[in-house]
Amino acid sequence: MKAGMCWIWEFLSVVGRLQVEQQKQVQDFQ
């Protein structure tokens, strides 16, 4: 169970970073 939760947190952290990068690019574009 704990191992399963671990990969979920890894996944969420990666997704969060991608969203932040996209927001930065959008702001630069505007």
N, C-alpha and C. Protein backbone atom coordinates (compact mmCIF):
# COMPACT_ATOMS: atom_id res chain seq x y z
N MET A 1 0.85 -1.21 0.00
CA MET A 1 0.00 0.00 0.00
C MET A 1 0.88 1.26 0.00
N LYS A 2 1.86 1.28 0.89
CA LYS A 2 2.73 2.46 0.96
C LYS A 2 3.48 2.65 -0.35
N ALA A 3 3.94 1.56 -0.94
CA ALA A 3 4.67 1.66 -2.22
C ALA A 3 3.75 2.27 -3.27
N GLY A 4 2.48 1.87 -3.26
CA GLY A 4 1.53 2.41 -4.23
C GLY A 4 1.35 3.91 -4.04
N MET A 5 1.25 4.35 -2.80
CA MET A 5 1.09 5.78 -2.54
C MET A 5 2.33 6.54 -2.99
N CYS A 6 3.50 5.92 -2.82
CA CYS A 6 4.76 6.58 -3.16
C CYS A 6 4.77 6.97 -4.63
N TRP A 7 4.39 6.03 -5.51
CA TRP A 7 4.45 6.37 -6.95
C TRP A 7 3.40 7.41 -7.31
N ILE A 8 2.31 7.44 -6.54
CA ILE A 8 1.28 8.45 -6.81
C ILE A 8 1.84 9.84 -6.52
N TRP A 9 2.57 9.96 -5.40
CA TRP A 9 3.14 11.27 -5.05
C TRP A 9 4.19 11.67 -6.07
N GLU A 10 4.98 10.69 -6.54
CA GLU A 10 5.99 10.98 -7.58
C GLU A 10 5.29 11.50 -8.82
N PHE A 11 4.19 10.83 -9.21
CA PHE A 11 3.44 11.22 -10.40
C PHE A 11 2.89 12.64 -10.26
N LEU A 12 2.30 12.92 -9.10
CA LEU A 12 1.71 14.25 -8.87
C LEU A 12 2.78 15.34 -8.91
N SER A 13 3.95 15.06 -8.34
CA SER A 13 5.01 16.08 -8.32
C SER A 13 5.48 16.37 -9.74
N VAL A 14 5.57 15.33 -10.57
CA VAL A 14 6.00 15.53 -11.96
C VAL A 14 4.95 16.33 -12.72
N VAL A 15 3.68 15.97 -12.55
CA VAL A 15 2.59 16.68 -13.23
C VAL A 15 2.57 18.14 -12.79
N GLY A 16 2.77 18.38 -11.51
CA GLY A 16 2.77 19.76 -10.99
C GLY A 16 3.87 20.58 -11.64
N ARG A 17 5.05 19.96 -11.79
CA ARG A 17 6.17 20.68 -12.40
C ARG A 17 5.86 21.01 -13.85
N LEU A 18 5.25 20.07 -14.57
CA LEU A 18 4.91 20.30 -15.98
C LEU A 18 3.93 21.46 -16.09
N GLN A 19 2.94 21.52 -15.20
CA GLN A 19 1.95 22.59 -15.26
C GLN A 19 2.61 23.94 -15.00
N VAL A 20 3.54 23.99 -14.06
CA VAL A 20 4.23 25.24 -13.75
C VAL A 20 5.03 25.69 -14.96
N GLU A 21 5.71 24.75 -15.62
CA GLU A 21 6.50 25.09 -16.81
C GLU A 21 5.59 25.64 -17.90
N GLN A 22 4.43 25.02 -18.09
CA GLN A 22 3.50 25.48 -19.13
C GLN A 22 3.01 26.88 -18.80
N GLN A 23 2.71 27.16 -17.54
CA GLN A 23 2.22 28.48 -17.15
C GLN A 23 3.30 29.53 -17.43
N LYS A 24 4.56 29.19 -17.17
CA LYS A 24 5.66 30.13 -17.42
C LYS A 24 5.72 30.44 -18.91
N GLN A 25 5.61 29.42 -19.74
CA GLN A 25 5.68 29.61 -21.19
C GLN A 25 4.52 30.49 -21.66
N VAL A 26 3.32 30.27 -21.12
CA VAL A 26 2.15 31.06 -21.51
C VAL A 26 2.37 32.52 -21.14
N GLN A 27 2.90 32.78 -19.96
CA GLN A 27 3.14 34.16 -19.53
C GLN A 27 4.16 34.82 -20.44
N ASP A 28 5.20 34.09 -20.83
CA ASP A 28 6.22 34.65 -21.73
C ASP A 28 5.59 34.97 -23.08
N PHE A 29 4.70 34.10 -23.53
CA PHE A 29 4.06 34.29 -24.84
C PHE A 29 3.21 35.56 -24.84
N GLN A 30 2.50 35.79 -23.74
CA GLN A 30 1.67 36.98 -23.66
C GLN A 30 2.56 38.20 -23.49
